[in-house]
């Protein structure tokens, strides 16, 4: 795998003066936050955790921004930016307690393998932003993606497995979905793969 070259990553427009506020007990990054259902729920449940919900899509970000504005939570900020740009230029090394990747695009074609999170050189940069003891959380409904991610996080990125569970409507009727994608897959009866890894 080639090394990640951060010098080629442009600064996220509009975030030149972004600064992570001090005084919170933990700092959380959700990449691909969509319309913000999970980010808002997490922020409400953890008022001492500062949550940065990053969404690149203009349409979904508009809904995320509306949700964050209506919630008016001091520990939740909506960010419209490419995740690579935001992480590289706005977040310090070892500054995050949790990173959430919930239902990322699986890029199923063989020719798209280098776009999968666990095979991207950028993952080295993302892992570097986790504190020691910090957690990377991932969820997917794709069996093959889950298997690749499970192996790569441990073998390539040297993270320690904390959690590997599966949930489905038949087996877990009391499961509470966190995102609209998760709700859709769960109600369709698909198997959900839920994982957490620790930077040790």
N, C-alpha and C. Protein backbone atom coordinates (compact mmCIF):
# COMPACT_ATOMS: atom_id res chain seq x y z
N UNK A 1 0.84 -1.20 0.00
CA UNK A 1 0.00 0.00 0.00
C UNK A 1 0.88 1.25 0.00
N UNK A 2 0.56 2.19 -0.89
CA UNK A 2 1.37 3.40 -0.96
C UNK A 2 1.17 4.27 0.28
N UNK A 3 2.16 5.09 0.57
CA UNK A 3 2.07 6.00 1.71
C UNK A 3 1.11 7.14 1.40
N UNK A 4 0.45 7.63 2.42
CA UNK A 4 -0.48 8.75 2.25
C UNK A 4 0.32 10.05 2.19
N UNK A 5 0.00 10.89 1.19
CA UNK A 5 0.70 12.16 1.02
C UNK A 5 -0.25 13.30 1.39
N UNK A 6 -0.14 13.78 2.61
CA UNK A 6 -1.06 14.83 3.09
C UNK A 6 -0.83 16.16 2.40
N UNK A 7 0.33 16.35 1.78
CA UNK A 7 0.62 17.62 1.12
C UNK A 7 -0.26 17.84 -0.10
N UNK A 8 -0.88 16.79 -0.61
CA UNK A 8 -1.74 16.90 -1.79
C UNK A 8 -3.20 17.12 -1.43
N UNK A 9 -3.49 17.18 -0.15
CA UNK A 9 -4.88 17.33 0.30
C UNK A 9 -5.19 18.81 0.50
N UNK A 10 -6.17 19.34 -0.21
CA UNK A 10 -6.51 20.77 -0.09
C UNK A 10 -7.18 21.08 1.25
N UNK A 11 -7.07 22.33 1.67
CA UNK A 11 -7.71 22.77 2.90
C UNK A 11 -9.22 22.81 2.68
N UNK A 12 -10.00 22.35 3.63
CA UNK A 12 -11.46 22.38 3.46
C UNK A 12 -11.98 23.82 3.44
N UNK A 13 -12.66 24.17 2.38
CA UNK A 13 -13.15 25.53 2.21
C UNK A 13 -14.13 25.90 3.33
N UNK A 14 -13.88 27.03 3.93
CA UNK A 14 -14.76 27.51 4.99
C UNK A 14 -14.33 27.12 6.38
N UNK A 15 -13.28 26.31 6.48
CA UNK A 15 -12.86 25.84 7.80
C UNK A 15 -11.43 26.29 8.14
N UNK A 16 -11.01 27.37 7.50
CA UNK A 16 -9.66 27.87 7.75
C UNK A 16 -9.44 28.26 9.21
N UNK A 17 -10.50 28.71 9.88
CA UNK A 17 -10.37 29.15 11.27
C UNK A 17 -11.00 28.16 12.26
N UNK A 18 -11.28 26.94 11.79
CA UNK A 18 -11.92 25.97 12.67
C UNK A 18 -10.98 25.59 13.81
N UNK A 19 -11.52 25.55 15.01
CA UNK A 19 -10.75 25.14 16.18
C UNK A 19 -11.62 24.25 17.05
N UNK A 20 -11.07 23.13 17.47
CA UNK A 20 -11.80 22.23 18.36
C UNK A 20 -11.85 22.87 19.74
N UNK A 21 -13.02 23.05 20.33
CA UNK A 21 -13.12 23.70 21.63
C UNK A 21 -12.52 22.86 22.75
N UNK A 22 -11.98 23.54 23.73
CA UNK A 22 -11.40 22.86 24.88
C UNK A 22 -12.48 22.59 25.93
N UNK A 23 -12.15 21.73 26.87
CA UNK A 23 -13.01 21.56 28.03
C UNK A 23 -13.96 20.38 28.01
N UNK A 24 -14.00 19.62 26.92
CA UNK A 24 -14.85 18.44 26.88
C UNK A 24 -14.08 17.20 27.35
N UNK A 25 -14.83 16.21 27.78
CA UNK A 25 -14.20 14.99 28.29
C UNK A 25 -13.73 14.07 27.17
N UNK A 26 -14.36 14.17 26.01
CA UNK A 26 -14.00 13.31 24.88
C UNK A 26 -14.35 14.01 23.58
N UNK A 27 -13.65 13.60 22.51
CA UNK A 27 -13.84 14.20 21.20
C UNK A 27 -14.14 13.10 20.19
N UNK A 28 -15.23 13.29 19.45
CA UNK A 28 -15.78 12.24 18.60
C UNK A 28 -15.94 12.76 17.17
N UNK A 29 -15.56 11.94 16.21
CA UNK A 29 -15.70 12.27 14.79
C UNK A 29 -16.58 11.22 14.13
N UNK A 30 -17.67 11.65 13.50
CA UNK A 30 -18.47 10.74 12.68
C UNK A 30 -18.27 11.14 11.23
N UNK A 31 -17.77 10.22 10.43
CA UNK A 31 -17.53 10.45 9.01
C UNK A 31 -18.70 9.88 8.21
N UNK A 32 -19.21 10.69 7.30
CA UNK A 32 -20.38 10.26 6.54
C UNK A 32 -21.61 10.26 7.44
N UNK A 33 -21.81 11.39 8.13
CA UNK A 33 -22.86 11.47 9.15
C UNK A 33 -24.27 11.54 8.56
N UNK A 34 -24.38 11.68 7.25
CA UNK A 34 -25.70 11.72 6.64
C UNK A 34 -26.53 12.88 7.15
N UNK A 35 -27.76 12.61 7.52
CA UNK A 35 -28.66 13.67 7.99
C UNK A 35 -28.54 13.90 9.50
N UNK A 36 -27.64 13.16 10.15
CA UNK A 36 -27.30 13.48 11.54
C UNK A 36 -28.08 12.79 12.64
N UNK A 37 -28.84 11.76 12.30
CA UNK A 37 -29.62 11.05 13.32
C UNK A 37 -28.72 10.51 14.42
N UNK A 38 -27.69 9.76 14.04
CA UNK A 38 -26.80 9.17 15.04
C UNK A 38 -26.02 10.24 15.80
N UNK A 39 -25.52 11.24 15.08
CA UNK A 39 -24.72 12.28 15.73
C UNK A 39 -25.53 13.01 16.79
N UNK A 40 -26.77 13.36 16.48
CA UNK A 40 -27.60 14.05 17.46
C UNK A 40 -27.91 13.16 18.66
N UNK A 41 -28.25 11.90 18.39
CA UNK A 41 -28.57 10.97 19.47
C UNK A 41 -27.38 10.78 20.40
N UNK A 42 -26.20 10.61 19.79
CA UNK A 42 -24.99 10.42 20.59
C UNK A 42 -24.68 11.66 21.40
N UNK A 43 -24.78 12.83 20.78
CA UNK A 43 -24.46 14.08 21.48
C UNK A 43 -25.41 14.31 22.65
N UNK A 44 -26.69 14.00 22.48
CA UNK A 44 -27.65 14.16 23.57
C UNK A 44 -27.33 13.22 24.73
N UNK A 45 -26.93 12.00 24.40
CA UNK A 45 -26.65 11.00 25.43
C UNK A 45 -25.31 11.22 26.11
N UNK A 46 -24.43 11.99 25.47
CA UNK A 46 -23.07 12.21 26.00
C UNK A 46 -22.75 13.71 25.97
N UNK A 47 -23.35 14.49 26.86
CA UNK A 47 -23.17 15.95 26.80
C UNK A 47 -21.75 16.44 27.05
N UNK A 48 -20.89 15.58 27.60
CA UNK A 48 -19.50 15.97 27.84
C UNK A 48 -18.58 15.53 26.70
N UNK A 49 -19.18 14.98 25.63
CA UNK A 49 -18.41 14.58 24.45
C UNK A 49 -18.70 15.57 23.33
N UNK A 50 -17.66 16.08 22.69
CA UNK A 50 -17.82 17.00 21.57
C UNK A 50 -17.86 16.20 20.28
N UNK A 51 -18.96 16.33 19.54
CA UNK A 51 -19.20 15.50 18.36
C UNK A 51 -19.08 16.34 17.09
N UNK A 52 -18.20 15.92 16.19
CA UNK A 52 -18.03 16.55 14.89
C UNK A 52 -18.62 15.62 13.84
N UNK A 53 -19.73 16.04 13.24
CA UNK A 53 -20.45 15.22 12.26
C UNK A 53 -20.11 15.71 10.87
N UNK A 54 -19.33 14.94 10.13
CA UNK A 54 -18.82 15.35 8.82
C UNK A 54 -19.63 14.70 7.71
N UNK A 55 -20.13 15.52 6.81
CA UNK A 55 -20.88 15.02 5.65
C UNK A 55 -20.48 15.84 4.43
N UNK A 56 -20.14 15.16 3.34
CA UNK A 56 -19.68 15.83 2.13
C UNK A 56 -20.82 16.21 1.21
N UNK A 57 -21.83 15.37 1.11
CA UNK A 57 -22.96 15.59 0.20
C UNK A 57 -23.72 16.87 0.56
N UNK A 58 -23.95 17.72 -0.44
CA UNK A 58 -24.65 18.98 -0.20
C UNK A 58 -26.06 18.76 0.31
N UNK A 59 -26.78 17.82 -0.32
CA UNK A 59 -28.17 17.59 0.07
C UNK A 59 -28.27 17.05 1.50
N UNK A 60 -27.49 16.03 1.80
CA UNK A 60 -27.56 15.45 3.15
C UNK A 60 -27.04 16.43 4.20
N UNK A 61 -26.01 17.21 3.83
CA UNK A 61 -25.50 18.17 4.80
C UNK A 61 -26.55 19.22 5.15
N UNK A 62 -27.35 19.63 4.18
CA UNK A 62 -28.40 20.60 4.46
C UNK A 62 -29.34 20.09 5.55
N UNK A 63 -29.70 18.82 5.47
CA UNK A 63 -30.57 18.22 6.48
C UNK A 63 -29.84 18.06 7.81
N UNK A 64 -28.56 17.70 7.74
CA UNK A 64 -27.75 17.59 8.95
C UNK A 64 -27.65 18.93 9.66
N UNK A 65 -27.40 19.99 8.89
CA UNK A 65 -27.27 21.32 9.47
C UNK A 65 -28.58 21.76 10.11
N UNK A 66 -29.69 21.48 9.45
CA UNK A 66 -30.99 21.82 10.03
C UNK A 66 -31.23 21.07 11.33
N UNK A 67 -30.87 19.80 11.35
CA UNK A 67 -31.05 19.00 12.56
C UNK A 67 -30.19 19.54 13.70
N UNK A 68 -28.93 19.84 13.39
CA UNK A 68 -28.03 20.36 14.42
C UNK A 68 -28.49 21.72 14.92
N UNK A 69 -28.98 22.55 14.01
CA UNK A 69 -29.45 23.88 14.40
C UNK A 69 -30.68 23.80 15.30
N UNK A 70 -31.60 22.92 14.95
CA UNK A 70 -32.80 22.76 15.76
C UNK A 70 -32.48 22.14 17.12
N UNK A 71 -31.54 21.23 17.14
CA UNK A 71 -31.16 20.59 18.41
C UNK A 71 -30.45 21.58 19.33
N UNK A 72 -29.67 22.49 18.74
CA UNK A 72 -28.96 23.53 19.49
C UNK A 72 -28.14 22.94 20.63
N UNK A 73 -27.44 21.85 20.34
CA UNK A 73 -26.60 21.22 21.35
C UNK A 73 -25.21 21.83 21.30
N UNK A 74 -24.67 22.29 22.42
CA UNK A 74 -23.35 22.92 22.42
C UNK A 74 -22.21 21.96 22.11
N UNK A 75 -22.50 20.68 22.16
CA UNK A 75 -21.45 19.68 21.92
C UNK A 75 -21.58 18.99 20.57
N UNK A 76 -22.34 19.60 19.64
CA UNK A 76 -22.51 19.02 18.31
C UNK A 76 -22.26 20.07 17.25
N UNK A 77 -21.38 19.76 16.30
CA UNK A 77 -21.13 20.67 15.19
C UNK A 77 -21.24 19.90 13.88
N UNK A 78 -21.96 20.47 12.91
CA UNK A 78 -22.10 19.88 11.58
C UNK A 78 -21.01 20.45 10.68
N UNK A 79 -20.33 19.57 9.96
CA UNK A 79 -19.20 19.97 9.12
C UNK A 79 -19.43 19.50 7.69
N UNK A 80 -19.45 20.42 6.75
CA UNK A 80 -19.54 20.03 5.34
C UNK A 80 -18.14 20.09 4.74
N UNK A 81 -17.56 18.93 4.57
CA UNK A 81 -16.20 18.86 4.05
C UNK A 81 -15.89 17.43 3.63
N UNK A 82 -14.90 17.30 2.79
CA UNK A 82 -14.34 15.98 2.51
C UNK A 82 -13.62 15.52 3.77
N UNK A 83 -13.83 14.28 4.16
CA UNK A 83 -13.26 13.78 5.41
C UNK A 83 -11.73 13.88 5.43
N UNK A 84 -11.10 13.57 4.31
CA UNK A 84 -9.64 13.64 4.26
C UNK A 84 -9.17 15.06 4.56
N UNK A 85 -9.78 16.05 3.92
CA UNK A 85 -9.37 17.44 4.12
C UNK A 85 -9.57 17.87 5.57
N UNK A 86 -10.72 17.53 6.14
CA UNK A 86 -11.02 17.95 7.50
C UNK A 86 -10.06 17.31 8.50
N UNK A 87 -9.83 16.03 8.35
CA UNK A 87 -8.94 15.34 9.28
C UNK A 87 -7.52 15.86 9.18
N UNK A 88 -7.02 15.99 7.96
CA UNK A 88 -5.63 16.42 7.75
C UNK A 88 -5.39 17.83 8.28
N UNK A 89 -6.29 18.74 8.00
CA UNK A 89 -6.02 20.15 8.29
C UNK A 89 -6.66 20.69 9.57
N UNK A 90 -7.65 19.99 10.11
CA UNK A 90 -8.38 20.55 11.25
C UNK A 90 -8.24 19.76 12.55
N UNK A 91 -7.67 18.58 12.48
CA UNK A 91 -7.57 17.75 13.68
C UNK A 91 -6.12 17.38 13.97
N UNK A 92 -5.73 17.53 15.21
CA UNK A 92 -4.36 17.22 15.63
C UNK A 92 -4.18 15.71 15.80
N UNK A 93 -2.95 15.27 15.77
CA UNK A 93 -2.63 13.87 16.06
C UNK A 93 -3.06 13.56 17.49
N UNK A 94 -3.57 12.35 17.67
CA UNK A 94 -3.97 11.85 18.99
C UNK A 94 -4.94 12.80 19.69
N UNK A 95 -5.94 13.26 18.95
CA UNK A 95 -6.91 14.21 19.52
C UNK A 95 -8.31 13.63 19.64
N UNK A 96 -8.55 12.45 19.07
CA UNK A 96 -9.90 11.89 19.04
C UNK A 96 -10.03 10.68 19.97
N UNK A 97 -11.16 10.62 20.65
CA UNK A 97 -11.46 9.47 21.50
C UNK A 97 -12.27 8.41 20.75
N UNK A 98 -13.00 8.84 19.73
CA UNK A 98 -13.83 7.90 18.97
C UNK A 98 -14.00 8.39 17.54
N UNK A 99 -13.92 7.45 16.60
CA UNK A 99 -14.23 7.69 15.20
C UNK A 99 -15.33 6.72 14.80
N UNK A 100 -16.37 7.21 14.15
CA UNK A 100 -17.48 6.37 13.73
C UNK A 100 -17.58 6.34 12.20
N UNK A 101 -17.59 5.14 11.66
CA UNK A 101 -17.80 4.88 10.23
C UNK A 101 -19.01 3.96 10.13
N UNK A 102 -20.17 4.54 10.02
CA UNK A 102 -21.39 3.74 10.02
C UNK A 102 -21.95 3.60 8.61
N UNK A 103 -21.91 2.39 8.11
CA UNK A 103 -22.43 2.04 6.78
C UNK A 103 -21.76 2.83 5.66
N UNK A 104 -20.42 2.75 5.60
CA UNK A 104 -19.72 3.42 4.49
C UNK A 104 -20.01 2.71 3.18
N UNK A 105 -19.82 3.44 2.09
CA UNK A 105 -19.98 2.86 0.76
C UNK A 105 -19.03 1.66 0.63
N UNK A 106 -19.54 0.46 0.33
CA UNK A 106 -18.68 -0.73 0.27
C UNK A 106 -17.85 -0.84 -0.99
N UNK A 107 -18.15 -0.04 -2.01
CA UNK A 107 -17.43 -0.12 -3.29
C UNK A 107 -17.19 -1.59 -3.65
N UNK A 108 -18.24 -2.30 -4.05
CA UNK A 108 -18.17 -3.76 -4.20
C UNK A 108 -17.35 -4.29 -5.38
N UNK A 109 -17.13 -3.48 -6.41
CA UNK A 109 -16.38 -3.96 -7.56
C UNK A 109 -14.90 -4.13 -7.22
N UNK A 110 -14.28 -5.15 -7.80
CA UNK A 110 -12.87 -5.42 -7.54
C UNK A 110 -12.00 -4.22 -7.90
N UNK A 111 -12.37 -3.50 -8.96
CA UNK A 111 -11.60 -2.33 -9.38
C UNK A 111 -11.72 -1.16 -8.40
N UNK A 112 -12.67 -1.25 -7.46
CA UNK A 112 -12.89 -0.17 -6.50
C UNK A 112 -12.28 -0.47 -5.12
N UNK A 113 -11.53 -1.54 -5.01
CA UNK A 113 -11.04 -1.97 -3.70
C UNK A 113 -10.25 -0.88 -2.98
N UNK A 114 -9.49 -0.07 -3.74
CA UNK A 114 -8.67 0.95 -3.10
C UNK A 114 -9.49 2.12 -2.55
N UNK A 115 -10.82 2.10 -2.80
CA UNK A 115 -11.69 3.13 -2.25
C UNK A 115 -12.32 2.70 -0.92
N UNK A 116 -12.15 1.43 -0.57
CA UNK A 116 -12.71 0.95 0.69
C UNK A 116 -11.85 1.48 1.84
N UNK A 117 -12.49 1.88 2.92
CA UNK A 117 -11.77 2.55 4.01
C UNK A 117 -10.54 1.78 4.48
N UNK A 118 -10.68 0.48 4.65
CA UNK A 118 -9.59 -0.30 5.23
C UNK A 118 -8.41 -0.49 4.29
N UNK A 119 -8.61 -0.19 2.98
CA UNK A 119 -7.53 -0.29 2.02
C UNK A 119 -6.99 1.08 1.58
N UNK A 120 -7.53 2.15 2.13
CA UNK A 120 -7.10 3.49 1.74
C UNK A 120 -5.85 3.92 2.52
N UNK A 121 -4.84 4.46 1.85
CA UNK A 121 -3.68 4.99 2.58
C UNK A 121 -4.08 6.03 3.63
N UNK A 122 -5.18 6.74 3.39
CA UNK A 122 -5.66 7.75 4.34
C UNK A 122 -5.96 7.15 5.71
N UNK A 123 -6.22 5.85 5.78
CA UNK A 123 -6.52 5.24 7.07
C UNK A 123 -5.37 5.44 8.07
N UNK A 124 -4.14 5.50 7.57
CA UNK A 124 -3.01 5.76 8.46
C UNK A 124 -3.14 7.12 9.13
N UNK A 125 -3.61 8.10 8.36
CA UNK A 125 -3.80 9.44 8.90
C UNK A 125 -4.94 9.44 9.91
N UNK A 126 -6.00 8.74 9.60
CA UNK A 126 -7.14 8.68 10.51
C UNK A 126 -6.77 8.01 11.83
N UNK A 127 -6.06 6.90 11.75
CA UNK A 127 -5.62 6.20 12.96
C UNK A 127 -4.70 7.09 13.79
N UNK A 128 -3.89 7.90 13.12
CA UNK A 128 -2.97 8.78 13.85
C UNK A 128 -3.71 9.83 14.66
N UNK A 129 -4.95 10.13 14.28
CA UNK A 129 -5.73 11.13 15.02
C UNK A 129 -6.39 10.55 16.26
N UNK A 130 -6.45 9.22 16.35
CA UNK A 130 -6.99 8.59 17.55
C UNK A 130 -5.99 8.67 18.70
N UNK A 131 -6.49 8.96 19.87
CA UNK A 131 -5.67 8.85 21.07
C UNK A 131 -5.37 7.37 21.32
N UNK A 132 -4.32 7.09 22.09
CA UNK A 132 -4.10 5.72 22.52
C UNK A 132 -5.24 5.36 23.47
N UNK A 133 -5.88 4.26 23.18
CA UNK A 133 -7.08 3.90 23.91
C UNK A 133 -8.34 4.35 23.20
N UNK A 134 -8.20 5.16 22.15
CA UNK A 134 -9.34 5.62 21.36
C UNK A 134 -9.95 4.48 20.55
N UNK A 135 -11.20 4.66 20.17
CA UNK A 135 -11.97 3.59 19.53
C UNK A 135 -12.40 3.97 18.13
N UNK A 136 -12.23 3.05 17.19
CA UNK A 136 -12.78 3.19 15.85
C UNK A 136 -13.96 2.23 15.74
N UNK A 137 -15.12 2.78 15.42
CA UNK A 137 -16.37 2.02 15.37
C UNK A 137 -16.84 1.94 13.92
N UNK A 138 -17.24 0.73 13.50
CA UNK A 138 -17.69 0.54 12.12
C UNK A 138 -18.93 -0.35 12.11
N UNK A 139 -19.84 -0.05 11.19
CA UNK A 139 -21.01 -0.91 10.99
C UNK A 139 -21.27 -1.04 9.49
N UNK A 140 -21.67 -2.23 9.08
CA UNK A 140 -21.99 -2.47 7.68
C UNK A 140 -23.00 -3.61 7.57
N UNK A 141 -23.71 -3.64 6.46
CA UNK A 141 -24.61 -4.75 6.17
C UNK A 141 -24.03 -5.67 5.10
N UNK A 142 -22.79 -5.41 4.71
CA UNK A 142 -22.14 -6.18 3.66
C UNK A 142 -21.18 -7.20 4.28
N UNK A 143 -21.46 -8.49 4.09
CA UNK A 143 -20.66 -9.54 4.71
C UNK A 143 -19.19 -9.47 4.30
N UNK A 144 -18.94 -9.32 3.00
CA UNK A 144 -17.56 -9.33 2.52
C UNK A 144 -16.80 -8.11 3.03
N UNK A 145 -17.48 -6.95 3.07
CA UNK A 145 -16.84 -5.74 3.57
C UNK A 145 -16.49 -5.92 5.04
N UNK A 146 -17.40 -6.50 5.80
CA UNK A 146 -17.16 -6.73 7.22
C UNK A 146 -15.94 -7.63 7.43
N UNK A 147 -15.83 -8.68 6.62
CA UNK A 147 -14.70 -9.59 6.75
C UNK A 147 -13.38 -8.92 6.44
N UNK A 148 -13.35 -8.15 5.37
CA UNK A 148 -12.12 -7.43 5.01
C UNK A 148 -11.74 -6.42 6.09
N UNK A 149 -12.71 -5.67 6.57
CA UNK A 149 -12.46 -4.65 7.58
C UNK A 149 -11.93 -5.29 8.85
N UNK A 150 -12.56 -6.37 9.27
CA UNK A 150 -12.17 -7.10 10.47
C UNK A 150 -10.69 -7.49 10.42
N UNK A 151 -10.26 -8.03 9.29
CA UNK A 151 -8.87 -8.48 9.15
C UNK A 151 -7.91 -7.31 9.02
N UNK A 152 -8.25 -6.32 8.20
CA UNK A 152 -7.34 -5.21 7.94
C UNK A 152 -7.09 -4.35 9.18
N UNK A 153 -8.12 -4.12 9.98
CA UNK A 153 -7.94 -3.29 11.17
C UNK A 153 -6.92 -3.90 12.13
N UNK A 154 -6.89 -5.21 12.16
CA UNK A 154 -5.95 -5.87 13.07
C UNK A 154 -4.59 -6.14 12.40
N UNK A 155 -4.62 -6.67 11.19
CA UNK A 155 -3.38 -7.09 10.54
C UNK A 155 -2.59 -5.93 9.94
N UNK A 156 -3.30 -4.97 9.34
CA UNK A 156 -2.61 -3.86 8.67
C UNK A 156 -2.47 -2.65 9.59
N UNK A 157 -3.56 -2.28 10.25
CA UNK A 157 -3.56 -1.04 11.03
C UNK A 157 -3.30 -1.26 12.52
N UNK A 158 -3.15 -2.51 12.91
CA UNK A 158 -2.70 -2.89 14.26
C UNK A 158 -3.59 -2.36 15.38
N UNK A 159 -4.89 -2.38 15.14
CA UNK A 159 -5.83 -2.01 16.18
C UNK A 159 -6.32 -3.27 16.89
N UNK A 160 -6.68 -3.10 18.14
CA UNK A 160 -7.11 -4.24 18.97
C UNK A 160 -8.63 -4.38 18.91
N UNK A 161 -9.10 -5.58 18.64
CA UNK A 161 -10.54 -5.83 18.55
C UNK A 161 -11.19 -5.71 19.93
N UNK A 162 -12.21 -4.88 20.02
CA UNK A 162 -12.97 -4.74 21.26
C UNK A 162 -14.34 -5.40 21.15
N UNK A 163 -14.94 -5.31 19.96
CA UNK A 163 -16.31 -5.79 19.79
C UNK A 163 -16.52 -6.27 18.37
N UNK A 164 -17.15 -7.40 18.23
CA UNK A 164 -17.57 -7.90 16.92
C UNK A 164 -18.88 -8.63 17.13
N UNK A 165 -19.97 -7.98 16.75
CA UNK A 165 -21.30 -8.53 16.96
C UNK A 165 -22.10 -8.45 15.67
N UNK A 166 -23.15 -9.24 15.62
CA UNK A 166 -24.08 -9.18 14.50
C UNK A 166 -25.49 -9.01 15.05
N UNK A 167 -26.31 -8.32 14.30
CA UNK A 167 -27.69 -8.09 14.72
C UNK A 167 -28.61 -8.24 13.51
N UNK A 168 -29.78 -8.77 13.75
CA UNK A 168 -30.78 -8.90 12.70
C UNK A 168 -32.17 -8.80 13.32
N UNK A 169 -33.16 -8.53 12.50
CA UNK A 169 -34.52 -8.39 12.98
C UNK A 169 -35.01 -9.67 13.66
N UNK A 170 -34.71 -10.82 13.07
CA UNK A 170 -35.17 -12.09 13.64
C UNK A 170 -34.50 -12.39 14.98
N UNK A 171 -33.19 -12.14 15.05
CA UNK A 171 -32.45 -12.50 16.26
C UNK A 171 -32.50 -11.43 17.34
N UNK A 172 -32.68 -10.17 16.93
CA UNK A 172 -32.61 -9.06 17.88
C UNK A 172 -33.80 -8.11 17.67
N UNK A 173 -35.00 -8.53 18.07
CA UNK A 173 -36.18 -7.69 17.82
C UNK A 173 -36.19 -6.38 18.59
N UNK A 174 -35.34 -6.25 19.62
CA UNK A 174 -35.30 -5.03 20.41
C UNK A 174 -34.16 -4.09 20.00
N UNK A 175 -33.46 -4.43 18.93
CA UNK A 175 -32.35 -3.60 18.46
C UNK A 175 -32.86 -2.22 18.04
N UNK A 176 -32.13 -1.18 18.43
CA UNK A 176 -32.53 0.20 18.11
C UNK A 176 -31.60 0.78 17.05
N UNK A 177 -32.06 0.93 15.82
CA UNK A 177 -31.22 1.50 14.76
C UNK A 177 -30.78 2.92 15.08
N UNK A 178 -29.59 3.28 14.59
CA UNK A 178 -29.01 4.60 14.86
C UNK A 178 -29.02 5.52 13.65
N UNK A 179 -29.13 4.95 12.47
CA UNK A 179 -29.12 5.74 11.24
C UNK A 179 -30.26 5.27 10.34
N UNK A 180 -30.58 6.08 9.34
CA UNK A 180 -31.64 5.69 8.41
C UNK A 180 -31.23 4.46 7.59
N UNK A 181 -29.95 4.37 7.23
CA UNK A 181 -29.48 3.19 6.53
C UNK A 181 -29.63 1.96 7.41
N UNK A 182 -29.23 2.08 8.67
CA UNK A 182 -29.31 0.95 9.59
C UNK A 182 -30.76 0.50 9.77
N UNK A 183 -31.66 1.45 9.89
CA UNK A 183 -33.08 1.13 10.03
C UNK A 183 -33.60 0.40 8.80
N UNK A 184 -33.22 0.88 7.61
CA UNK A 184 -33.67 0.24 6.37
C UNK A 184 -33.15 -1.19 6.27
N UNK A 185 -31.85 -1.38 6.50
CA UNK A 185 -31.27 -2.72 6.38
C UNK A 185 -31.86 -3.66 7.42
N UNK A 186 -32.03 -3.15 8.64
CA UNK A 186 -32.56 -3.96 9.74
C UNK A 186 -34.00 -4.39 9.43
N UNK A 187 -34.82 -3.46 8.98
CA UNK A 187 -36.22 -3.80 8.70
C UNK A 187 -36.37 -4.71 7.49
N UNK A 188 -35.36 -4.72 6.61
CA UNK A 188 -35.38 -5.64 5.47
C UNK A 188 -34.92 -7.05 5.88
N UNK A 189 -34.49 -7.19 7.13
CA UNK A 189 -34.05 -8.49 7.62
C UNK A 189 -32.59 -8.80 7.34
N UNK A 190 -31.81 -7.81 6.93
CA UNK A 190 -30.40 -8.04 6.63
C UNK A 190 -29.58 -8.17 7.91
N UNK A 191 -28.45 -8.84 7.79
CA UNK A 191 -27.54 -8.99 8.92
C UNK A 191 -26.68 -7.74 9.04
N UNK A 192 -26.61 -7.18 10.24
CA UNK A 192 -25.78 -6.01 10.51
C UNK A 192 -24.52 -6.44 11.24
N UNK A 193 -23.40 -5.96 10.76
CA UNK A 193 -22.11 -6.27 11.39
C UNK A 193 -21.66 -5.02 12.18
N UNK A 194 -21.43 -5.18 13.47
CA UNK A 194 -21.08 -4.07 14.35
C UNK A 194 -19.72 -4.35 14.97
N UNK A 195 -18.76 -3.46 14.76
CA UNK A 195 -17.39 -3.68 15.23
C UNK A 195 -16.83 -2.46 15.93
N UNK A 196 -15.93 -2.71 16.87
CA UNK A 196 -15.16 -1.65 17.51
C UNK A 196 -13.73 -2.13 17.68
N UNK A 197 -12.78 -1.22 17.42
CA UNK A 197 -11.35 -1.51 17.55
C UNK A 197 -10.70 -0.40 18.37
N UNK A 198 -9.70 -0.78 19.15
CA UNK A 198 -9.01 0.18 20.02
C UNK A 198 -7.57 0.38 19.56
N UNK A 199 -7.13 1.63 19.62
CA UNK A 199 -5.73 1.93 19.35
C UNK A 199 -4.95 1.69 20.64
N UNK A 200 -4.11 0.70 20.64
CA UNK A 200 -3.41 0.29 21.86
C UNK A 200 -1.92 0.65 21.79
